[in-house]
Each structure stands twice: as structure tokens, then as C-alpha cells.
Protein backbone atom coordinates (compact mmCIF):
# COMPACT_ATOMS: atom_id res chain seq x y z
CA UNK A 1 24.52 -11.35 7.34
CA UNK A 2 25.07 -8.71 9.96
CA UNK A 3 25.20 -5.14 9.39
CA UNK A 4 28.91 -3.89 9.16
CA UNK A 5 28.64 -0.15 8.34
CA UNK A 6 30.12 1.83 11.41
CA UNK A 7 28.22 4.95 10.43
CA UNK A 8 24.97 3.47 11.32
CA UNK A 9 24.69 4.41 14.99
CA UNK A 10 20.98 4.46 15.66
CA UNK A 11 17.78 2.43 14.98
CA UNK A 12 16.78 -1.04 15.33
CA UNK A 13 18.25 -3.33 12.74
CA UNK A 14 15.98 -5.56 10.71
CA UNK A 15 16.24 -9.39 10.94
CA UNK A 16 15.38 -9.63 7.21
CA UNK A 17 18.41 -9.89 4.97
CA UNK A 18 18.42 -10.67 1.21
CA UNK A 19 21.22 -12.36 -0.85
CA UNK A 20 23.21 -9.34 -1.63
CA UNK A 21 26.48 -8.56 0.48
CA UNK A 22 26.02 -5.71 2.72
CA UNK A 23 27.88 -2.41 1.78
CA UNK A 24 29.70 -4.30 -1.00
CA UNK A 25 29.06 -1.47 -3.71
CA UNK A 26 28.88 1.44 -1.45
CA UNK A 27 29.99 2.40 2.04
CA UNK A 28 26.72 4.28 2.56
CA UNK A 29 24.17 1.88 0.94
CA UNK A 30 23.55 -1.60 2.57
CA UNK A 31 22.11 -3.27 -0.40
CA UNK A 32 23.04 -1.27 -3.53
CA UNK A 33 21.25 -3.24 -6.40
CA UNK A 34 18.12 -3.68 -4.28
CA UNK A 35 17.97 -0.07 -3.46
CA UNK A 36 18.46 0.93 -7.05
CA UNK A 37 15.97 -1.51 -8.40
CA UNK A 38 13.37 -0.15 -6.12
CA UNK A 39 13.45 3.11 -8.24
CA UNK A 40 11.42 0.91 -10.74
CA UNK A 41 8.39 1.11 -8.54
CA UNK A 42 8.64 4.85 -8.21
CA UNK A 43 8.86 5.24 -12.16
CA UNK A 44 5.85 2.84 -12.89
CA UNK A 45 3.68 4.71 -10.24
CA UNK A 46 4.46 8.03 -11.73
CA UNK A 47 3.84 6.79 -15.14
CA UNK A 48 0.66 5.25 -13.89
CA UNK A 49 -0.63 8.61 -12.47
CA UNK A 50 0.50 10.62 -15.44
CA UNK A 51 -0.82 8.56 -18.25
CA UNK A 52 -4.17 7.79 -16.35
CA UNK A 53 -4.83 11.19 -15.02
CA UNK A 54 -8.55 11.00 -16.30
CA UNK A 55 -9.26 7.80 -14.43
CA UNK A 56 -11.24 7.79 -11.17
CA UNK A 57 -9.15 8.98 -8.05
CA UNK A 58 -9.13 5.37 -6.54
CA UNK A 59 -6.97 4.04 -9.42
CA UNK A 60 -4.80 7.13 -9.25
CA UNK A 61 -4.43 6.31 -5.56
CA UNK A 62 -3.56 2.84 -6.40
CA UNK A 63 -0.83 3.95 -8.58
CA UNK A 64 0.38 6.47 -6.07
CA UNK A 65 0.70 3.83 -3.50
CA UNK A 66 3.16 2.00 -5.63
CA UNK A 67 5.29 5.13 -5.38
CA UNK A 68 5.18 5.04 -1.72
CA UNK A 69 6.23 1.37 -1.70
CA UNK A 70 9.21 2.24 -3.87
CA UNK A 71 10.37 5.00 -1.46
CA UNK A 72 9.96 2.70 1.41
CA UNK A 73 11.92 -0.14 -0.32
CA UNK A 74 14.77 2.27 -1.12
CA UNK A 75 14.93 3.39 2.39
CA UNK A 76 14.74 -0.08 3.75
CA UNK A 77 17.31 -1.70 1.42
CA UNK A 78 19.64 1.11 1.79
CA UNK A 79 19.66 0.83 5.52
CA UNK A 80 18.32 -2.56 6.79
CA UNK A 81 16.59 -0.84 9.71
CA UNK A 82 13.42 -2.12 11.16
CA UNK A 83 11.41 0.97 11.17
CA UNK A 84 12.29 1.48 7.44
CA UNK A 85 11.31 -2.10 6.74
CA UNK A 86 7.83 -1.24 8.01
CA UNK A 87 7.91 1.72 5.52
CA UNK A 88 8.48 -0.87 2.83
CA UNK A 89 6.06 -3.75 3.83
CA UNK A 90 3.11 -1.81 5.37
CA UNK A 91 2.49 0.24 2.18
CA UNK A 92 2.63 -3.03 0.23
CA UNK A 93 -0.43 -4.20 2.07
CA UNK A 94 -2.21 -0.95 1.61
CA UNK A 95 -1.54 -0.83 -2.04
CA UNK A 96 -2.91 -4.32 -2.66
CA UNK A 97 -5.90 -3.39 -0.42
CA UNK A 98 -6.50 -0.40 -2.77
CA UNK A 99 -6.62 -2.91 -5.75
CA UNK A 100 -8.98 -5.05 -3.85
CA UNK A 101 -11.42 -2.27 -3.52
CA UNK A 102 -11.08 -1.39 -7.23
CA UNK A 103 -11.58 -5.10 -8.15
CA UNK A 104 -14.71 -5.68 -5.94
CA UNK A 105 -16.37 -2.20 -6.48
CA UNK A 106 -16.15 -2.58 -10.23
CA UNK A 107 -19.51 -1.14 -11.20
CA UNK A 108 -20.56 2.33 -12.14
CA UNK A 109 -22.28 2.54 -8.79
CA UNK A 110 -21.10 1.71 -5.36
CA UNK A 111 -22.44 -2.04 -4.57
CA UNK A 112 -21.43 -1.86 -0.82
CA UNK A 113 -21.73 0.82 1.72
CA UNK A 114 -19.25 2.62 3.89
CA UNK A 115 -18.46 -0.49 5.78
CA UNK A 116 -16.56 -2.03 2.95
CA UNK A 117 -13.70 0.60 2.59
CA UNK A 118 -13.77 0.83 6.47
CA UNK A 119 -13.45 -2.95 6.85
CA UNK A 120 -10.41 -2.82 4.26
CA UNK A 121 -8.72 -0.05 6.29
CA UNK A 122 -9.16 -2.11 9.58
CA UNK A 123 -7.62 -5.12 7.98
CA UNK A 124 -4.36 -3.10 7.01
CA UNK A 125 -4.42 -1.38 10.44
CA UNK A 126 -4.70 -4.64 12.26
CA UNK A 127 -1.86 -5.95 10.18
CA UNK A 128 0.16 -2.99 10.90
CA UNK A 129 -0.38 -3.16 14.71
CA UNK A 130 0.68 -6.73 14.86
CA UNK A 131 3.90 -6.20 12.86
CA UNK A 132 4.85 -3.28 14.91
CA UNK A 133 4.09 -5.19 18.09
CA UNK A 134 6.20 -8.08 17.03
CA UNK A 135 9.13 -5.71 16.01
CA UNK A 136 12.57 -7.07 15.17
CA UNK A 137 12.61 -8.91 18.58
CA UNK A 138 10.06 -11.56 17.04
CA UNK A 139 11.00 -11.50 13.56
CA UNK A 140 9.25 -14.85 12.71
CA UNK A 141 5.97 -13.52 13.80
CA UNK A 142 6.52 -10.41 11.91
CA UNK A 143 7.36 -12.28 8.88
CA UNK A 144 4.38 -14.74 8.97
CA UNK A 145 1.77 -11.95 9.69
CA UNK A 146 3.10 -9.97 6.75
CA UNK A 147 3.49 -12.57 4.28
CA UNK A 148 0.02 -14.14 5.18
CA UNK A 149 -1.76 -10.73 5.24
CA UNK A 150 -0.11 -9.76 1.87
CA UNK A 151 -0.52 -13.10 0.21
CA UNK A 152 -4.28 -13.31 1.16
CA UNK A 153 -5.14 -9.93 -0.35
CA UNK A 154 -3.08 -10.74 -3.52
CA UNK A 155 -5.01 -14.06 -3.82
CA UNK A 156 -8.33 -12.00 -3.56
CA UNK A 157 -7.24 -9.61 -6.30
CA UNK A 158 -6.09 -12.44 -8.61
CA UNK A 159 -9.32 -14.25 -8.11
CA UNK A 160 -11.51 -11.19 -8.99
CA UNK A 161 -9.30 -10.12 -11.96
CA UNK A 162 -9.73 -13.72 -13.40
CA UNK A 163 -13.48 -13.45 -12.88
CA UNK A 164 -13.58 -9.83 -14.70
CA UNK A 165 -11.34 -10.91 -17.53
CA UNK A 166 -13.22 -14.18 -18.12
CA UNK A 167 -16.08 -12.15 -19.24
CA UNK A 168 -14.41 -10.07 -21.93
CA UNK A 169 -13.85 -11.05 -25.37
CA UNK A 170 -11.27 -8.49 -26.28
CA UNK A 171 -8.07 -10.58 -27.02
CA UNK A 172 -5.68 -7.75 -26.45
CA UNK A 173 -7.03 -7.25 -22.80
CA UNK A 174 -6.79 -11.17 -22.28
CA UNK A 175 -3.22 -11.03 -23.57
CA UNK A 176 -2.45 -8.20 -21.22
CA UNK A 177 -3.61 -10.37 -18.35
CA UNK A 178 -1.59 -13.23 -19.55
CA UNK A 179 1.53 -11.10 -19.73
CA UNK A 180 0.90 -9.71 -16.37
CA UNK A 181 0.39 -13.21 -14.79
CA UNK A 182 3.69 -14.61 -16.47
CA UNK A 183 5.63 -11.47 -15.37
CA UNK A 184 4.30 -11.85 -11.69
CA UNK A 185 5.18 -15.51 -11.49
CA UNK A 186 8.58 -15.13 -12.89
CA UNK A 187 9.43 -12.36 -10.52
CA UNK A 188 8.08 -14.27 -7.54
CA UNK A 189 10.20 -17.26 -8.64
CA UNK A 190 13.32 -14.82 -8.52
CA UNK A 191 12.31 -13.78 -5.06
CA UNK A 192 12.18 -17.38 -3.88
CA UNK A 193 15.45 -18.45 -5.45
CA UNK A 194 17.07 -15.40 -3.85
CA UNK A 195 15.58 -15.93 -0.44
CA UNK A 196 15.83 -19.89 -0.22
CA UNK A 197 18.79 -20.74 -2.17
CA UNK A 198 21.22 -17.86 -1.35
CA UNK A 199 24.22 -20.19 -0.86
CA UNK A 200 23.96 -21.46 -4.34
CA UNK A 201 23.39 -17.93 -5.82
CA UNK A 202 26.40 -16.65 -4.23
CA UNK A 203 28.60 -19.54 -5.13
CA UNK A 204 27.67 -20.04 -8.91
CA UNK A 205 30.28 -22.07 -10.92
CA UNK A 206 32.82 -20.65 -13.21
CA UNK A 207 33.08 -17.54 -11.12
CA UNK A 208 29.71 -16.21 -12.28
CA UNK A 209 28.46 -13.10 -10.32
CA UNK A 210 25.47 -13.17 -7.94
CA UNK A 211 22.58 -12.26 -10.43
CA UNK A 212 20.83 -10.08 -7.76
CA UNK A 213 17.51 -11.86 -8.14
CA UNK A 214 15.81 -9.85 -5.43
CA UNK A 215 16.52 -6.70 -7.47
CA UNK A 216 15.04 -8.32 -10.60
CA UNK A 217 12.12 -9.16 -8.39
CA UNK A 218 11.63 -5.41 -7.86
CA UNK A 219 11.49 -4.86 -11.45
CA UNK A 220 9.24 -7.70 -12.31
CA UNK A 221 6.79 -6.82 -9.58
CA UNK A 222 6.74 -3.18 -10.69
CA UNK A 223 5.94 -4.10 -14.21
CA UNK A 224 3.32 -6.53 -13.34
CA UNK A 225 1.72 -4.11 -10.91
CA UNK A 226 1.61 -1.44 -13.56
CA UNK A 227 0.20 -3.86 -16.23
């Protein structure tokens, strides 16, 4: 659905829209619920940094990157401008790449040399360049590159976490992973329903309101990221 706020006079609009009516709740905020729910990312990131301050810096960096994603998500959903969409999506890639590093370098010593973090950075940098090059004029390319790059690193993380957790006998740790996985799957299901079935969601029977599933995706993704 098109942007309709007359106060937005500059910046390239994004071609990504979610199943929330623009400027319905606020004259100044494009997607009110999607913006509000993005604060959950900032909260879990701050909680992670505070409660795990004794951890190695790489883990604190991972928690901190969730905060950056939350700030970008608020900015993007509040304006629906392409530059701020990049502030949302690019940090997501780097956030998961940080977790990739934590999962693979999971010994008391560094198993790989400098090339490994450099390679991870170049992966993120190349993804960023392609997304910026595509811009809002080639939304499909930008969308496919982001989804593919992000999805691949998520699969890398999940596969390594499964490998790590398979070797532990601590039932509480295994239960934590099960809860994390369930939370992530449910949140991703919400994302897909909101993205692919918007007409159904906005026209529910008995006059039911739009459940704002993309906003709930934000909350579920935040919790599963923290866990």
C-alpha cells in the first residue's frame, strides 16, 4: 500500500510493505505496531549485555548488535524509507554473522586464523553492496539477496547449535534449545502469514481486528535471539 503521509518530503520510499495500514494509528508513524514491537529487540539486547557482562566481548557484541537491529527496525517501520530499511536489514545480517563466529570458534583457543573473521566481514560487506546497488528500483533483487544471505547464515547457526547441543547431557540446556527453536519457528510462521496472506488477515470474520502478526514476529524473534 502506498505511503500517504504528506509530511514525508524526502528520501527514497521502500518497496517493502507489511500487513499494517500505514499511518492508521499515528500521523507521524507509518506502521505503529511494527515500530512499537521493535523496542523488544532493544530490550533483549540491553538485557543480554547487562546480565552477561562477564562474558567474552564477542558475545556482548552479539547482544549489542540486536540493539542496532531494533533501532533500525523502529526507524524503517516508522518511515518506510529505503535508506532506513537498510539500517534494519543490514545489521540483521551482521548480527547473525557474529553468532556464526561464536558458534564456529567455540573452543578456549582460536581454531582459525585472521582469515575467518575477515571472510565473515567480506560476506556481510558484499551482501550490503549488492543490496545498496539494487536499491528500491530493483526491489526483487534486493529482497532475494537479503533473504538468501540472511537465511543461509541462519541455517549455519542452527546446524552448529544442533551439533554443540547434541554433545551435552544437561537437560536444562537442551530444554532451552527446544524452547528457542519453537519460539523461532512460531515467530517465522507469523512472519509468513502476515507477508503472504495479508488479504485474509485484514478481512477476518466477525469483524476481528488485524492481529498484527509482523509485530508479534518482532517479539518472538527477539526472545528466541536472546535465548
